[in-house]
């Protein structure tokens, strides 16, 4: 559920006419609904029957600090995959003891930062990473908390590029023999502590049976690890729950958590989930203006540098006109101004639109702005937050000076 609806043929976000935002801040602009974000967090938190749980929002899906502050105030922890994301979460007021650091290539400086801030856990993804963290923790005279990320060998996810739980994927550790070896090594280290097991099988998952199998796998592996004398504090089942992009039916967080709790009903460890898309996805839209009409093309001012998902994943997004007119709908291919044939928003899409109309590209709150770039020297868009009848800029549109400020002119 989201709070983007037509009222008297005009598209609103909560109680704000989106035309007002377009007039004040221009296009392209990302717009987020605070009420939608808060509702989605509540759905996750209220679905748990056990009190021993933690919802860690996946910062990579939407990393604006104002958004992270809202989620922090709702009691979320955070899953980060870079030092920059860790710093963003801390700036948003996050408790380091509710931050998990994932990712296969953590740098020296990122590990130092995580150790110094005493985060909940590094989700380690290789044996060599264990050795590096141990070395750094020794130099810092600290103990680093580690969770072993394993691959349950489950092929799940909405696109080949977002499947992450198979033995051939770059993520996690696939060999149970190596996992047990690492667990034993950590237990015998003065500067490491094993606190959990973690996995993440993919993104945009609509088959809950994949989660059932994952829960069984993590439970069985946890039993084996505890049998060799390694107590665990939590089991992290990752995120990846799918959401409806084009009116497709997807499972709910309640259904997901019911299955996980059923499979893990006799375990003592804390259950951690890392939702991202299913919290932020349909909390955001991207406003764009129809600049030109050519043949059967609507040429808009948002491009693949603003929203990469259609070009990268052939992803589908609904597109609404801010004015729900009585004009006859026609099939259009909606494209941007980038000099690439892959620069499209939607192909053969049924919509009514004329030059100058403002369109809303729906369900862009996840992997929208965070994947934007300056390709073709385009300026990245503004971000706006709606709260009831109020709306405020939470990221200014880039200027040309922003674009070139880090470049060095050798002729000066």
Protein backbone atom coordinates (compact mmCIF):
# COMPACT_ATOMS: atom_id res chain seq x y z
CA UNK A 1 0.00 0.00 0.00
CA UNK A 2 1.16 3.54 -0.73
CA UNK A 3 -0.17 7.07 -0.43
CA UNK A 4 -0.09 8.13 -4.10
CA UNK A 5 -3.70 8.54 -5.30
CA UNK A 6 -5.85 10.61 -7.61
CA UNK A 7 -8.11 13.23 -6.04
CA UNK A 8 -10.43 15.08 -8.40
CA UNK A 9 -8.35 13.81 -11.36
CA UNK A 10 -5.08 15.15 -9.89
CA UNK A 11 -2.33 12.88 -8.56
CA UNK A 12 -1.48 13.46 -4.92
CA UNK A 13 1.23 12.22 -2.59
CA UNK A 14 -0.52 12.07 0.78
CA UNK A 15 -2.19 15.51 0.92
CA UNK A 16 0.07 17.29 -1.57
CA UNK A 17 -0.78 17.91 -5.23
CA UNK A 18 2.29 16.67 -7.09
CA UNK A 19 1.92 19.51 -9.58
CA UNK A 20 2.90 21.87 -6.75
CA UNK A 21 6.15 19.97 -6.20
CA UNK A 22 6.92 19.99 -9.93
CA UNK A 23 6.32 23.75 -10.09
CA UNK A 24 8.53 24.51 -7.09
CA UNK A 25 11.42 22.11 -7.63
CA UNK A 26 11.22 21.24 -11.32
CA UNK A 27 11.82 17.89 -12.98
CA UNK A 28 13.20 15.30 -12.82
CA UNK A 29 12.57 15.03 -9.08
CA UNK A 30 12.22 12.08 -6.74
CA UNK A 31 9.32 12.37 -4.29
CA UNK A 32 8.96 10.19 -1.18
CA UNK A 33 5.98 9.61 1.10
CA UNK A 34 6.84 9.58 4.80
CA UNK A 35 3.57 7.90 5.68
CA UNK A 36 4.26 5.04 3.26
CA UNK A 37 7.76 4.47 4.67
CA UNK A 38 6.45 4.40 8.24
CA UNK A 39 3.60 2.07 7.38
CA UNK A 40 5.93 -0.44 5.75
CA UNK A 41 8.24 -0.50 8.76
CA UNK A 42 5.24 -1.07 11.03
CA UNK A 43 4.07 -3.98 8.88
CA UNK A 44 7.43 -5.71 9.34
CA UNK A 45 7.72 -5.02 13.04
CA UNK A 46 4.14 -5.99 13.85
CA UNK A 47 4.39 -9.24 11.87
CA UNK A 48 6.89 -10.76 14.30
CA UNK A 49 5.45 -12.90 17.05
CA UNK A 50 8.81 -13.21 18.82
CA UNK A 51 10.26 -10.18 20.57
CA UNK A 52 13.81 -11.30 19.76
CA UNK A 53 14.11 -9.75 16.29
CA UNK A 54 15.62 -6.82 14.43
CA UNK A 55 14.65 -5.19 11.14
CA UNK A 56 17.79 -3.77 9.48
CA UNK A 57 16.88 -1.49 6.56
CA UNK A 58 19.08 -2.07 3.50
CA UNK A 59 20.68 1.34 3.02
CA UNK A 60 21.74 0.58 -0.56
CA UNK A 61 18.11 0.76 -1.67
CA UNK A 62 17.59 4.37 -0.53
CA UNK A 63 20.33 6.22 1.34
CA UNK A 64 19.14 9.83 1.79
CA UNK A 65 19.98 10.81 5.37
CA UNK A 66 16.53 12.34 5.96
CA UNK A 67 14.95 9.00 5.00
CA UNK A 68 17.35 7.10 7.26
CA UNK A 69 16.42 9.40 10.16
CA UNK A 70 12.75 8.50 9.72
CA UNK A 71 13.54 4.79 9.71
CA UNK A 72 15.87 5.15 12.70
CA UNK A 73 13.11 6.88 14.65
CA UNK A 74 10.87 3.91 13.80
CA UNK A 75 13.37 1.59 15.49
CA UNK A 76 15.10 0.15 12.42
CA UNK A 77 18.64 -1.08 12.40
CA UNK A 78 20.66 -0.80 9.18
CA UNK A 79 22.42 -3.09 6.73
CA UNK A 80 25.30 -1.25 5.04
CA UNK A 81 27.69 -2.29 2.28
CA UNK A 82 30.23 0.55 2.30
CA UNK A 83 31.93 3.01 4.60
CA UNK A 84 29.86 5.78 3.05
CA UNK A 85 26.63 3.99 3.93
CA UNK A 86 27.92 3.35 7.46
CA UNK A 87 28.67 7.06 7.89
CA UNK A 88 25.22 7.95 6.55
CA UNK A 89 23.53 5.64 9.06
CA UNK A 90 25.57 7.11 11.91
CA UNK A 91 24.73 10.66 10.79
CA UNK A 92 21.07 9.65 10.88
CA UNK A 93 21.50 8.77 14.57
CA UNK A 94 21.70 4.99 14.24
CA UNK A 95 22.86 2.87 17.16
CA UNK A 96 26.08 1.13 15.97
CA UNK A 97 24.88 -1.99 17.81
CA UNK A 98 22.07 -2.18 15.26
CA UNK A 99 24.30 -1.91 12.17
CA UNK A 100 25.41 -4.88 10.06
CA UNK A 101 28.20 -4.42 7.50
CA UNK A 102 27.85 -6.72 4.45
CA UNK A 103 29.77 -6.90 1.17
CA UNK A 104 32.59 -8.91 -0.38
CA UNK A 105 35.24 -6.18 -0.66
CA UNK A 106 35.43 -4.23 2.60
CA UNK A 107 38.49 -1.97 2.55
CA UNK A 108 41.01 -1.43 5.32
CA UNK A 109 39.54 1.98 6.21
CA UNK A 110 35.99 0.65 6.20
CA UNK A 111 36.93 -2.15 8.58
CA UNK A 112 38.72 0.28 10.88
CA UNK A 113 35.63 2.50 10.99
CA UNK A 114 33.32 -0.42 11.78
CA UNK A 115 35.60 -1.68 14.56
CA UNK A 116 36.03 1.77 16.09
CA UNK A 117 32.26 2.33 16.09
CA UNK A 118 31.70 -1.16 17.57
CA UNK A 119 29.02 -2.17 15.07
CA UNK A 120 26.80 -5.20 15.64
CA UNK A 121 28.56 -7.35 13.04
CA UNK A 122 30.70 -7.65 9.97
CA UNK A 123 29.03 -10.23 7.75
CA UNK A 124 32.21 -11.85 6.43
CA UNK A 125 32.24 -13.42 2.96
CA UNK A 126 35.68 -15.05 2.65
CA UNK A 127 38.43 -16.59 4.72
CA UNK A 128 40.88 -13.86 3.72
CA UNK A 129 38.45 -11.24 5.03
CA UNK A 130 38.55 -12.92 8.44
CA UNK A 131 42.34 -12.63 8.52
CA UNK A 132 42.27 -8.96 7.53
CA UNK A 133 39.66 -8.04 10.15
CA UNK A 134 41.63 -9.94 12.80
CA UNK A 135 44.82 -8.07 11.91
CA UNK A 136 43.08 -4.69 12.04
CA UNK A 137 41.25 -5.52 15.28
CA UNK A 138 44.58 -6.50 16.84
CA UNK A 139 46.15 -3.19 15.84
CA UNK A 140 43.11 -1.36 17.24
CA UNK A 141 43.26 -3.50 20.41
CA UNK A 142 39.57 -4.31 19.92
CA UNK A 143 37.37 -7.34 19.39
CA UNK A 144 35.41 -7.43 16.13
CA UNK A 145 32.02 -9.15 15.93
CA UNK A 146 31.65 -11.43 12.92
CA UNK A 147 28.79 -13.31 11.27
CA UNK A 148 29.57 -15.84 8.56
CA UNK A 149 27.62 -15.29 5.36
CA UNK A 150 27.00 -18.63 3.68
CA UNK A 151 25.39 -19.61 0.38
CA UNK A 152 22.37 -21.88 0.81
CA UNK A 153 22.53 -22.78 -2.93
CA UNK A 154 19.08 -21.37 -3.69
CA UNK A 155 18.40 -19.88 -7.13
CA UNK A 156 16.02 -17.03 -6.42
CA UNK A 157 15.51 -13.45 -7.52
CA UNK A 158 13.77 -11.35 -10.15
CA UNK A 159 16.75 -11.02 -12.53
CA UNK A 160 20.06 -12.83 -13.09
CA UNK A 161 21.97 -9.79 -11.82
CA UNK A 162 20.20 -9.80 -8.43
CA UNK A 163 20.50 -13.50 -7.57
CA UNK A 164 23.02 -13.82 -4.76
CA UNK A 165 22.62 -17.14 -2.95
CA UNK A 166 24.14 -19.70 -5.33
CA UNK A 167 27.55 -21.35 -5.18
CA UNK A 168 28.59 -19.63 -8.41
CA UNK A 169 27.78 -16.14 -7.11
CA UNK A 170 30.49 -13.85 -5.74
CA UNK A 171 28.76 -13.49 -2.37
CA UNK A 172 29.16 -15.57 0.76
CA UNK A 173 30.93 -18.88 1.45
CA UNK A 174 29.67 -22.03 -0.23
CA UNK A 175 31.68 -24.79 1.46
CA UNK A 176 30.29 -26.06 4.79
CA UNK A 177 33.72 -27.50 5.54
CA UNK A 178 35.27 -24.04 5.17
CA UNK A 179 32.49 -22.45 7.23
CA UNK A 180 33.20 -24.79 10.14
CA UNK A 181 36.94 -24.17 9.78
CA UNK A 182 36.35 -20.41 9.92
CA UNK A 183 34.03 -20.73 12.93
CA UNK A 184 36.69 -22.70 14.80
CA UNK A 185 39.36 -20.15 13.85
CA UNK A 186 37.23 -17.24 15.09
CA UNK A 187 36.59 -19.00 18.40
CA UNK A 188 40.33 -19.33 18.97
CA UNK A 189 41.13 -15.72 18.12
CA UNK A 190 41.68 -13.09 20.82
CA UNK A 191 40.36 -10.31 18.62
CA UNK A 192 37.36 -11.93 16.91
CA UNK A 193 33.96 -13.04 18.16
CA UNK A 194 31.47 -15.16 16.21
CA UNK A 195 28.01 -13.70 16.80
CA UNK A 196 25.88 -14.97 13.94
CA UNK A 197 25.14 -16.67 10.65
CA UNK A 198 23.90 -14.70 7.65
CA UNK A 199 22.63 -15.28 4.13
CA UNK A 200 20.94 -13.35 1.37
CA UNK A 201 19.50 -15.23 -1.59
CA UNK A 202 18.57 -12.42 -3.97
CA UNK A 203 16.24 -9.53 -4.64
CA UNK A 204 12.69 -9.07 -5.95
CA UNK A 205 11.80 -12.58 -4.73
CA UNK A 206 8.16 -13.63 -5.06
CA UNK A 207 8.46 -17.32 -4.18
CA UNK A 208 8.21 -17.77 -0.41
CA UNK A 209 9.30 -21.40 -0.69
CA UNK A 210 12.80 -20.05 -1.30
CA UNK A 211 12.69 -18.41 2.12
CA UNK A 212 11.40 -21.59 3.74
CA UNK A 213 14.36 -23.53 2.37
CA UNK A 214 16.73 -20.77 3.42
CA UNK A 215 15.39 -20.81 6.98
CA UNK A 216 15.86 -24.59 7.15
CA UNK A 217 19.41 -24.32 5.83
CA UNK A 218 20.45 -21.60 8.27
CA UNK A 219 18.88 -23.50 11.16
CA UNK A 220 20.67 -26.74 10.29
CA UNK A 221 24.00 -24.97 9.85
CA UNK A 222 23.57 -23.12 13.15
CA UNK A 223 23.02 -26.42 14.96
CA UNK A 224 26.22 -27.83 13.47
CA UNK A 225 28.22 -24.74 14.41
CA UNK A 226 26.91 -24.79 17.98
CA UNK A 227 27.84 -28.46 18.26
CA UNK A 228 31.50 -27.55 17.73
CA UNK A 229 31.29 -25.06 20.58
CA UNK A 230 30.42 -21.83 18.82
CA UNK A 231 27.45 -20.04 20.40
CA UNK A 232 25.48 -17.67 18.17
CA UNK A 233 23.52 -14.53 18.98
CA UNK A 234 21.55 -14.12 15.76
CA UNK A 235 20.50 -15.64 12.45
CA UNK A 236 20.31 -13.10 9.61
CA UNK A 237 18.11 -14.23 6.70
CA UNK A 238 18.74 -11.16 4.56
CA UNK A 239 16.10 -9.32 2.56
CA UNK A 240 14.92 -9.42 -1.03
CA UNK A 241 11.13 -9.65 -0.71
CA UNK A 242 9.52 -8.68 -4.02
CA UNK A 243 7.10 -5.81 -4.52
CA UNK A 244 4.49 -5.11 -7.25
CA UNK A 245 5.95 -2.98 -10.04
CA UNK A 246 3.26 -3.60 -12.64
CA UNK A 247 0.27 -4.83 -10.63
CA UNK A 248 1.87 -8.26 -10.24
CA UNK A 249 0.94 -10.22 -7.13
CA UNK A 250 3.65 -10.43 -4.50
CA UNK A 251 3.76 -11.90 -0.98
CA UNK A 252 3.48 -9.71 2.09
CA UNK A 253 5.98 -9.26 4.94
CA UNK A 254 3.45 -10.98 7.22
CA UNK A 255 3.49 -14.08 5.01
CA UNK A 256 7.29 -14.04 4.85
CA UNK A 257 7.79 -13.71 8.60
CA UNK A 258 5.14 -16.34 9.35
CA UNK A 259 7.11 -18.87 7.31
CA UNK A 260 10.44 -17.91 8.86
CA UNK A 261 9.11 -18.06 12.41
CA UNK A 262 7.47 -21.40 11.72
CA UNK A 263 10.77 -22.88 10.54
CA UNK A 264 12.79 -21.29 13.35
CA UNK A 265 10.26 -21.70 16.17
CA UNK A 266 12.59 -23.76 18.36
CA UNK A 267 15.73 -21.64 18.02
CA UNK A 268 16.92 -19.18 20.66
CA UNK A 269 18.90 -16.83 18.43
CA UNK A 270 17.63 -13.40 17.44
CA UNK A 271 16.05 -13.28 13.96
CA UNK A 272 17.33 -10.47 11.73
CA UNK A 273 15.89 -9.41 8.37
CA UNK A 274 17.34 -6.86 5.94
CA UNK A 275 14.41 -5.45 3.91
CA UNK A 276 15.12 -2.59 1.54
CA UNK A 277 12.93 -2.56 -1.57
CA UNK A 278 9.83 -3.74 0.32
CA UNK A 279 10.09 -0.71 2.63
CA UNK A 280 11.20 2.03 0.26
CA UNK A 281 10.14 0.85 -3.22
CA UNK A 282 6.60 2.14 -3.56
CA UNK A 283 7.26 4.99 -1.12
CA UNK A 284 8.85 6.93 -3.98
CA UNK A 285 8.07 8.23 -7.47
CA UNK A 286 10.08 10.08 -10.10
CA UNK A 287 8.48 13.16 -11.66
CA UNK A 288 9.40 13.87 -15.27
CA UNK A 289 8.20 16.27 -17.96
CA UNK A 290 7.24 15.40 -21.54
CA UNK A 291 9.62 17.62 -23.55
CA UNK A 292 8.82 16.43 -27.07
CA UNK A 293 6.61 14.02 -28.97
CA UNK A 294 8.11 12.26 -31.99
CA UNK A 295 6.37 9.49 -33.91
CA UNK A 296 5.33 7.10 -31.11
CA UNK A 297 7.93 8.38 -28.65
CA UNK A 298 7.30 10.48 -25.58
CA UNK A 299 10.66 12.14 -24.97
CA UNK A 300 10.89 13.08 -21.29
CA UNK A 301 13.52 14.89 -19.21
CA UNK A 302 14.28 11.90 -16.97
CA UNK A 303 16.81 9.47 -18.36
CA UNK A 304 18.74 6.29 -17.60
CA UNK A 305 21.16 8.35 -15.52
CA UNK A 306 18.18 9.23 -13.27
CA UNK A 307 16.53 5.78 -13.27
CA UNK A 308 18.78 2.93 -14.41
CA UNK A 309 16.52 -0.05 -13.66
CA UNK A 310 14.74 -0.27 -17.05
CA UNK A 311 18.03 -0.15 -18.97
CA UNK A 312 19.93 -2.45 -16.59
CA UNK A 313 17.26 -5.02 -15.72
CA UNK A 314 14.57 -4.44 -18.40
CA UNK A 315 12.50 -3.50 -15.35
CA UNK A 316 8.86 -2.41 -15.63
CA UNK A 317 7.41 0.63 -13.88
CA UNK A 318 3.90 2.02 -14.02
CA UNK A 319 3.73 5.56 -15.37
CA UNK A 320 0.89 7.92 -14.45
CA UNK A 321 0.01 11.34 -15.78
CA UNK A 322 -0.38 13.86 -12.96
CA UNK A 323 -3.67 14.83 -14.56
CA UNK A 324 -6.11 11.99 -15.13
CA UNK A 325 -7.76 13.43 -18.23
CA UNK A 326 -10.45 11.99 -20.47
CA UNK A 327 -8.07 11.86 -23.44
CA UNK A 328 -7.83 8.56 -25.24
CA UNK A 329 -4.88 6.47 -24.11
CA UNK A 330 -2.35 5.49 -26.75
CA UNK A 331 0.67 3.20 -26.87
CA UNK A 332 3.89 5.16 -26.39
CA UNK A 333 7.53 4.33 -25.87
CA UNK A 334 8.77 6.67 -23.16
CA UNK A 335 12.44 7.61 -23.60
CA UNK A 336 14.96 10.04 -22.15
CA UNK A 337 17.56 12.35 -23.72
CA UNK A 338 20.65 10.17 -23.10
CA UNK A 339 22.53 9.20 -26.26
CA UNK A 340 21.95 5.46 -25.84
CA UNK A 341 19.23 3.30 -27.39
CA UNK A 342 18.88 1.63 -23.99
CA UNK A 343 17.68 4.92 -22.49
CA UNK A 344 14.01 4.17 -22.02
CA UNK A 345 11.46 4.31 -19.20
CA UNK A 346 8.77 2.10 -20.71
CA UNK A 347 8.09 0.49 -24.09
CA UNK A 348 4.66 0.29 -25.75
CA UNK A 349 3.03 1.79 -22.68
CA UNK A 350 -0.66 2.75 -22.71
CA UNK A 351 -1.05 6.30 -21.40
CA UNK A 352 -2.56 9.65 -22.36
CA UNK A 353 -0.06 12.48 -22.61
CA UNK A 354 0.71 15.64 -24.53
CA UNK A 355 3.81 17.80 -24.71
CA UNK A 356 4.39 19.62 -21.43
CA UNK A 357 2.59 17.07 -19.24
CA UNK A 358 4.21 15.91 -16.01
CA UNK A 359 4.38 12.16 -15.53
CA UNK A 360 5.02 10.12 -12.38
CA UNK A 361 7.16 7.00 -12.72
CA UNK A 362 5.94 4.82 -9.88
CA UNK A 363 7.72 2.50 -7.45
CA UNK A 364 11.10 4.21 -7.77
CA UNK A 365 11.87 4.64 -4.07
CA UNK A 366 14.27 1.69 -4.15
CA UNK A 367 17.31 1.60 -6.44
CA UNK A 368 16.23 4.86 -8.03
CA UNK A 369 18.24 7.89 -6.98
CA UNK A 370 20.93 5.73 -5.36
CA UNK A 371 21.87 4.30 -8.79
CA UNK A 372 21.79 7.65 -10.59
CA UNK A 373 24.87 9.10 -12.28
CA UNK A 374 26.21 12.07 -14.20
CA UNK A 375 26.44 10.25 -17.52
CA UNK A 376 26.32 12.72 -20.44
CA UNK A 377 27.29 15.34 -17.81
CA UNK A 378 23.70 15.44 -16.65
CA UNK A 379 22.89 16.86 -13.24
CA UNK A 380 21.38 14.52 -10.67
CA UNK A 381 17.81 15.25 -9.64
CA UNK A 382 16.31 16.76 -6.53
CA UNK A 383 14.78 14.64 -3.75
CA UNK A 384 11.62 15.78 -1.94
CA UNK A 385 9.89 14.39 1.16
CA UNK A 386 6.14 14.69 1.69
CA UNK A 387 4.71 14.62 5.20
CA UNK A 388 0.94 15.11 5.22
CA UNK A 389 0.23 18.54 3.75
CA UNK A 390 3.89 19.61 3.81
CA UNK A 391 6.74 18.92 1.42
CA UNK A 392 10.41 19.77 1.78
CA UNK A 393 13.55 19.41 -0.28
CA UNK A 394 15.88 16.78 1.22
CA UNK A 395 18.48 16.91 -1.55
CA UNK A 396 18.99 19.92 -3.80
CA UNK A 397 19.27 19.47 -7.52
CA UNK A 398 22.90 19.43 -8.59
CA UNK A 399 24.36 22.50 -10.26
CA UNK A 400 27.04 22.60 -12.94
CA UNK A 401 29.50 23.75 -10.28
CA UNK A 402 28.66 20.61 -8.28
CA UNK A 403 29.42 18.59 -11.38
CA UNK A 404 32.94 19.98 -11.91
CA UNK A 405 34.02 20.97 -8.39
CA UNK A 406 36.44 18.04 -7.99
CA UNK A 407 38.06 18.42 -11.40
CA UNK A 408 41.53 19.93 -11.70
CA UNK A 409 42.28 22.37 -14.51
CA UNK A 410 45.95 21.80 -15.37
CA UNK A 411 46.10 25.10 -17.27
CA UNK A 412 45.40 27.21 -14.15
